[in-house]
Amino acid sequence: MMKVEVVENGVQATEKINSLEAAGFGKENIYIFAHDEDRSEHLTDATETGGMGFKEQGFFDSIGNMFKSRGDELRNKFESLGLSKQEAEQYEVELDKGRLVLVASDEK
């Protein structure tokens, strides 16, 4: 099962993460996305949620993301987690508006 949430800021993200945990999602399977890479990394560290690495994306996608625009990279990461191309585009638009997107998966 997968759940996607869109929030406005870090406080709302923390509240959503707590509710996702209460619903049975492990923090290591909750991913926070922001359009700004530094913001995304900071929030991931602060909330102790999962990071997108080789395991989640695969080796070639991880390497390929180094040569893509941030928008392309984010859409690719969304698709790596199981979202459709259309969903990935929709959530990338939310990121363009300054919002945060949380993706939670119960897959181990």
N, C-alpha and C. Protein backbone atom coordinates (compact mmCIF):
# COMPACT_ATOMS: atom_id res chain seq x y z
N MET A 1 0.84 -1.18 0.00
CA MET A 1 0.00 0.00 0.00
C MET A 1 0.88 1.24 0.00
N MET A 2 0.40 2.27 -0.66
CA MET A 2 1.13 3.52 -0.73
C MET A 2 0.18 4.66 -0.38
N LYS A 3 0.72 5.67 0.29
CA LYS A 3 -0.07 6.85 0.64
C LYS A 3 0.77 8.07 0.31
N VAL A 4 0.16 9.07 -0.32
CA VAL A 4 0.84 10.31 -0.67
C VAL A 4 0.10 11.46 -0.01
N GLU A 5 0.85 12.34 0.62
CA GLU A 5 0.29 13.52 1.29
C GLU A 5 1.02 14.76 0.80
N VAL A 6 0.29 15.85 0.63
CA VAL A 6 0.87 17.14 0.26
C VAL A 6 0.65 18.07 1.44
N VAL A 7 1.72 18.70 1.91
CA VAL A 7 1.64 19.62 3.05
C VAL A 7 2.35 20.93 2.70
N GLU A 8 2.09 21.93 3.52
CA GLU A 8 2.62 23.27 3.26
C GLU A 8 4.00 23.52 3.85
N ASN A 9 4.32 22.86 4.98
CA ASN A 9 5.57 23.18 5.68
C ASN A 9 6.06 22.01 6.53
N GLY A 10 7.20 22.22 7.18
CA GLY A 10 7.82 21.19 7.99
C GLY A 10 6.99 20.78 9.20
N VAL A 11 6.26 21.72 9.79
CA VAL A 11 5.42 21.40 10.95
C VAL A 11 4.31 20.44 10.53
N GLN A 12 3.64 20.77 9.43
CA GLN A 12 2.59 19.88 8.92
C GLN A 12 3.17 18.53 8.50
N ALA A 13 4.38 18.54 7.95
CA ALA A 13 5.03 17.29 7.55
C ALA A 13 5.25 16.40 8.76
N THR A 14 5.74 16.99 9.85
CA THR A 14 5.98 16.23 11.07
C THR A 14 4.68 15.63 11.61
N GLU A 15 3.61 16.41 11.59
CA GLU A 15 2.32 15.91 12.05
C GLU A 15 1.84 14.75 11.17
N LYS A 16 2.00 14.89 9.84
CA LYS A 16 1.58 13.83 8.91
C LYS A 16 2.42 12.57 9.11
N ILE A 17 3.72 12.76 9.33
CA ILE A 17 4.61 11.61 9.56
C ILE A 17 4.17 10.86 10.80
N ASN A 18 3.83 11.58 11.85
CA ASN A 18 3.34 10.93 13.07
C ASN A 18 2.06 10.14 12.82
N SER A 19 1.14 10.71 12.03
CA SER A 19 -0.10 9.99 11.74
C SER A 19 0.16 8.79 10.82
N LEU A 20 1.11 8.92 9.89
CA LEU A 20 1.45 7.78 9.03
C LEU A 20 2.08 6.65 9.85
N GLU A 21 2.92 7.03 10.81
CA GLU A 21 3.51 6.02 11.70
C GLU A 21 2.43 5.32 12.51
N ALA A 22 1.48 6.08 13.01
CA ALA A 22 0.37 5.50 13.78
C ALA A 22 -0.47 4.57 12.92
N ALA A 23 -0.48 4.81 11.61
CA ALA A 23 -1.23 3.97 10.68
C ALA A 23 -0.43 2.73 10.26
N GLY A 24 0.81 2.61 10.75
CA GLY A 24 1.59 1.41 10.49
C GLY A 24 2.74 1.55 9.51
N PHE A 25 2.99 2.75 9.01
CA PHE A 25 4.13 2.95 8.11
C PHE A 25 5.39 3.18 8.93
N GLY A 26 6.48 2.53 8.57
CA GLY A 26 7.76 2.75 9.24
C GLY A 26 8.40 4.01 8.72
N LYS A 27 9.11 4.73 9.60
CA LYS A 27 9.76 5.98 9.19
C LYS A 27 10.72 5.78 8.02
N GLU A 28 11.36 4.61 7.98
CA GLU A 28 12.31 4.35 6.90
C GLU A 28 11.61 4.19 5.54
N ASN A 29 10.28 4.05 5.57
CA ASN A 29 9.49 3.93 4.34
C ASN A 29 8.63 5.15 4.07
N ILE A 30 8.97 6.26 4.72
CA ILE A 30 8.30 7.54 4.47
C ILE A 30 9.35 8.47 3.88
N TYR A 31 9.03 9.05 2.74
CA TYR A 31 9.98 9.90 2.03
C TYR A 31 9.40 11.30 1.87
N ILE A 32 10.25 12.30 2.14
CA ILE A 32 9.84 13.70 2.03
C ILE A 32 10.52 14.31 0.81
N PHE A 33 9.71 14.99 0.01
CA PHE A 33 10.25 15.65 -1.18
C PHE A 33 9.95 17.14 -1.13
N ALA A 34 10.95 17.93 -1.47
CA ALA A 34 10.81 19.38 -1.63
C ALA A 34 11.51 19.72 -2.94
N HIS A 35 11.11 20.79 -3.58
CA HIS A 35 11.76 21.15 -4.84
C HIS A 35 13.21 21.54 -4.60
N ASP A 36 13.47 22.19 -3.49
CA ASP A 36 14.84 22.56 -3.14
C ASP A 36 15.53 21.36 -2.49
N GLU A 37 16.61 20.92 -3.08
CA GLU A 37 17.31 19.71 -2.61
C GLU A 37 17.80 19.85 -1.17
N ASP A 38 18.32 21.01 -0.80
CA ASP A 38 18.80 21.22 0.57
C ASP A 38 17.65 21.12 1.57
N ARG A 39 16.52 21.70 1.22
CA ARG A 39 15.34 21.63 2.10
C ARG A 39 14.90 20.18 2.28
N SER A 40 14.90 19.44 1.19
CA SER A 40 14.50 18.04 1.23
C SER A 40 15.43 17.24 2.15
N GLU A 41 16.73 17.43 1.99
CA GLU A 41 17.71 16.71 2.82
C GLU A 41 17.57 17.11 4.29
N HIS A 42 17.40 18.40 4.54
CA HIS A 42 17.27 18.88 5.92
C HIS A 42 16.04 18.26 6.59
N LEU A 43 14.91 18.25 5.90
CA LEU A 43 13.69 17.70 6.47
C LEU A 43 13.80 16.18 6.68
N THR A 44 14.45 15.50 5.75
CA THR A 44 14.65 14.06 5.90
C THR A 44 15.49 13.78 7.14
N ASP A 45 16.56 14.54 7.33
CA ASP A 45 17.41 14.37 8.52
C ASP A 45 16.65 14.71 9.80
N ALA A 46 15.93 15.82 9.78
CA ALA A 46 15.23 16.30 10.98
C ALA A 46 14.11 15.36 11.42
N THR A 47 13.46 14.71 10.46
CA THR A 47 12.33 13.84 10.79
C THR A 47 12.73 12.36 10.86
N GLU A 48 14.00 12.10 10.53
CA GLU A 48 14.53 10.72 10.56
C GLU A 48 13.72 9.78 9.67
N THR A 49 13.33 10.30 8.50
CA THR A 49 12.59 9.48 7.53
C THR A 49 13.56 8.90 6.51
N GLY A 50 13.02 8.11 5.58
CA GLY A 50 13.85 7.42 4.60
C GLY A 50 14.47 8.36 3.59
N GLY A 51 15.63 7.98 3.12
CA GLY A 51 16.31 8.72 2.06
C GLY A 51 16.24 7.91 0.78
N MET A 52 16.30 8.59 -0.35
CA MET A 52 16.25 7.91 -1.65
C MET A 52 17.66 7.59 -2.11
N GLY A 53 18.03 6.32 -2.04
CA GLY A 53 19.36 5.90 -2.47
C GLY A 53 19.28 4.84 -3.54
N PHE A 54 20.38 4.11 -3.68
CA PHE A 54 20.46 3.05 -4.69
C PHE A 54 19.37 2.01 -4.48
N LYS A 55 19.09 1.67 -3.22
CA LYS A 55 18.10 0.63 -2.91
C LYS A 55 16.74 1.00 -3.48
N GLU A 56 16.33 2.26 -3.27
CA GLU A 56 15.00 2.69 -3.69
C GLU A 56 14.92 2.96 -5.20
N GLN A 57 15.99 3.47 -5.78
CA GLN A 57 15.94 3.87 -7.18
C GLN A 57 16.61 2.91 -8.14
N GLY A 58 17.53 2.14 -7.64
CA GLY A 58 18.35 1.32 -8.53
C GLY A 58 19.59 2.10 -8.92
N PHE A 59 20.63 1.40 -9.22
CA PHE A 59 21.93 2.00 -9.51
C PHE A 59 21.88 2.96 -10.69
N PHE A 60 21.34 2.51 -11.82
CA PHE A 60 21.38 3.33 -13.02
C PHE A 60 20.53 4.58 -12.91
N ASP A 61 19.35 4.47 -12.28
CA ASP A 61 18.52 5.66 -12.08
C ASP A 61 19.22 6.65 -11.17
N SER A 62 19.88 6.15 -10.12
CA SER A 62 20.60 7.04 -9.19
C SER A 62 21.69 7.81 -9.92
N ILE A 63 22.47 7.11 -10.73
CA ILE A 63 23.54 7.76 -11.49
C ILE A 63 22.95 8.72 -12.52
N GLY A 64 21.90 8.30 -13.20
CA GLY A 64 21.26 9.14 -14.22
C GLY A 64 20.71 10.44 -13.65
N ASN A 65 20.23 10.40 -12.39
CA ASN A 65 19.67 11.60 -11.77
C ASN A 65 20.70 12.71 -11.61
N MET A 66 21.97 12.35 -11.58
CA MET A 66 23.01 13.38 -11.44
C MET A 66 23.08 14.29 -12.66
N PHE A 67 22.54 13.81 -13.79
CA PHE A 67 22.63 14.56 -15.04
C PHE A 67 21.29 15.15 -15.48
N LYS A 68 20.28 15.04 -14.62
CA LYS A 68 18.94 15.52 -14.96
C LYS A 68 18.64 16.83 -14.24
N SER A 69 17.64 17.54 -14.75
CA SER A 69 17.17 18.73 -14.05
C SER A 69 16.50 18.27 -12.75
N ARG A 70 16.32 19.18 -11.82
CA ARG A 70 15.69 18.81 -10.54
C ARG A 70 14.28 18.27 -10.75
N GLY A 71 13.51 18.86 -11.64
CA GLY A 71 12.16 18.38 -11.92
C GLY A 71 12.17 16.96 -12.45
N ASP A 72 13.07 16.68 -13.41
CA ASP A 72 13.18 15.33 -13.97
C ASP A 72 13.60 14.34 -12.88
N GLU A 73 14.54 14.76 -12.05
CA GLU A 73 15.03 13.91 -10.96
C GLU A 73 13.89 13.56 -10.00
N LEU A 74 13.09 14.56 -9.62
CA LEU A 74 11.99 14.32 -8.69
C LEU A 74 10.94 13.39 -9.29
N ARG A 75 10.58 13.63 -10.54
CA ARG A 75 9.60 12.74 -11.19
C ARG A 75 10.14 11.31 -11.25
N ASN A 76 11.42 11.16 -11.53
CA ASN A 76 12.04 9.84 -11.58
C ASN A 76 11.99 9.17 -10.21
N LYS A 77 12.24 9.93 -9.16
CA LYS A 77 12.19 9.37 -7.79
C LYS A 77 10.77 8.95 -7.43
N PHE A 78 9.79 9.76 -7.79
CA PHE A 78 8.40 9.40 -7.54
C PHE A 78 8.05 8.08 -8.24
N GLU A 79 8.45 7.97 -9.50
CA GLU A 79 8.16 6.76 -10.26
C GLU A 79 8.89 5.56 -9.67
N SER A 80 10.10 5.75 -9.13
CA SER A 80 10.85 4.67 -8.48
C SER A 80 10.10 4.10 -7.29
N LEU A 81 9.31 4.95 -6.65
CA LEU A 81 8.55 4.51 -5.48
C LEU A 81 7.21 3.88 -5.86
N GLY A 82 6.88 3.91 -7.16
CA GLY A 82 5.67 3.23 -7.60
C GLY A 82 4.56 4.13 -8.09
N LEU A 83 4.78 5.44 -8.13
CA LEU A 83 3.76 6.33 -8.66
C LEU A 83 3.78 6.27 -10.18
N SER A 84 2.63 6.52 -10.79
CA SER A 84 2.56 6.54 -12.25
C SER A 84 3.23 7.82 -12.76
N LYS A 85 3.51 7.84 -14.05
CA LYS A 85 4.11 9.03 -14.67
C LYS A 85 3.21 10.24 -14.46
N GLN A 86 1.90 10.05 -14.62
CA GLN A 86 0.94 11.15 -14.43
C GLN A 86 0.95 11.64 -12.99
N GLU A 87 0.95 10.72 -12.02
CA GLU A 87 1.00 11.12 -10.61
C GLU A 87 2.30 11.85 -10.31
N ALA A 88 3.41 11.36 -10.84
CA ALA A 88 4.70 12.00 -10.62
C ALA A 88 4.68 13.44 -11.12
N GLU A 89 4.09 13.65 -12.29
CA GLU A 89 4.00 15.01 -12.84
C GLU A 89 3.11 15.89 -11.97
N GLN A 90 2.00 15.33 -11.50
CA GLN A 90 1.06 16.07 -10.65
C GLN A 90 1.74 16.52 -9.36
N TYR A 91 2.49 15.63 -8.71
CA TYR A 91 3.13 15.97 -7.45
C TYR A 91 4.33 16.89 -7.65
N GLU A 92 4.96 16.82 -8.81
CA GLU A 92 6.07 17.73 -9.09
C GLU A 92 5.54 19.16 -9.22
N VAL A 93 4.31 19.32 -9.74
CA VAL A 93 3.67 20.64 -9.82
C VAL A 93 3.45 21.18 -8.41
N GLU A 94 3.03 20.32 -7.48
CA GLU A 94 2.86 20.74 -6.08
C GLU A 94 4.18 21.23 -5.50
N LEU A 95 5.26 20.54 -5.82
CA LEU A 95 6.58 20.96 -5.34
C LEU A 95 6.96 22.31 -5.93
N ASP A 96 6.60 22.54 -7.19
CA ASP A 96 6.88 23.84 -7.82
C ASP A 96 6.20 24.98 -7.07
N LYS A 97 5.09 24.69 -6.40
CA LYS A 97 4.35 25.69 -5.64
C LYS A 97 4.93 25.90 -4.24
N GLY A 98 6.03 25.20 -3.92
CA GLY A 98 6.66 25.36 -2.62
C GLY A 98 6.16 24.40 -1.56
N ARG A 99 5.28 23.49 -1.94
CA ARG A 99 4.74 22.52 -0.98
C ARG A 99 5.70 21.35 -0.83
N LEU A 100 5.41 20.52 0.16
CA LEU A 100 6.17 19.30 0.40
C LEU A 100 5.28 18.11 0.05
N VAL A 101 5.88 17.06 -0.47
CA VAL A 101 5.15 15.84 -0.78
C VAL A 101 5.76 14.71 0.04
N LEU A 102 4.90 14.00 0.76
CA LEU A 102 5.32 12.83 1.53
C LEU A 102 4.79 11.59 0.82
N VAL A 103 5.64 10.60 0.65
CA VAL A 103 5.24 9.33 0.06
C VAL A 103 5.58 8.25 1.07
N ALA A 104 4.56 7.49 1.48
CA ALA A 104 4.75 6.42 2.44
C ALA A 104 4.40 5.10 1.77
N SER A 105 5.24 4.11 2.00
CA SER A 105 5.03 2.79 1.43
C SER A 105 5.14 1.76 2.55
N ASP A 106 4.32 0.73 2.52
CA ASP A 106 4.44 -0.29 3.54
C ASP A 106 5.26 -1.49 3.05
N GLU A 107 5.89 -1.31 1.88
CA GLU A 107 6.75 -2.38 1.36
C GLU A 107 8.08 -2.38 2.10
N LYS A 108 8.54 -3.57 2.42
CA LYS A 108 9.79 -3.71 3.16
C LYS A 108 10.96 -3.85 2.22
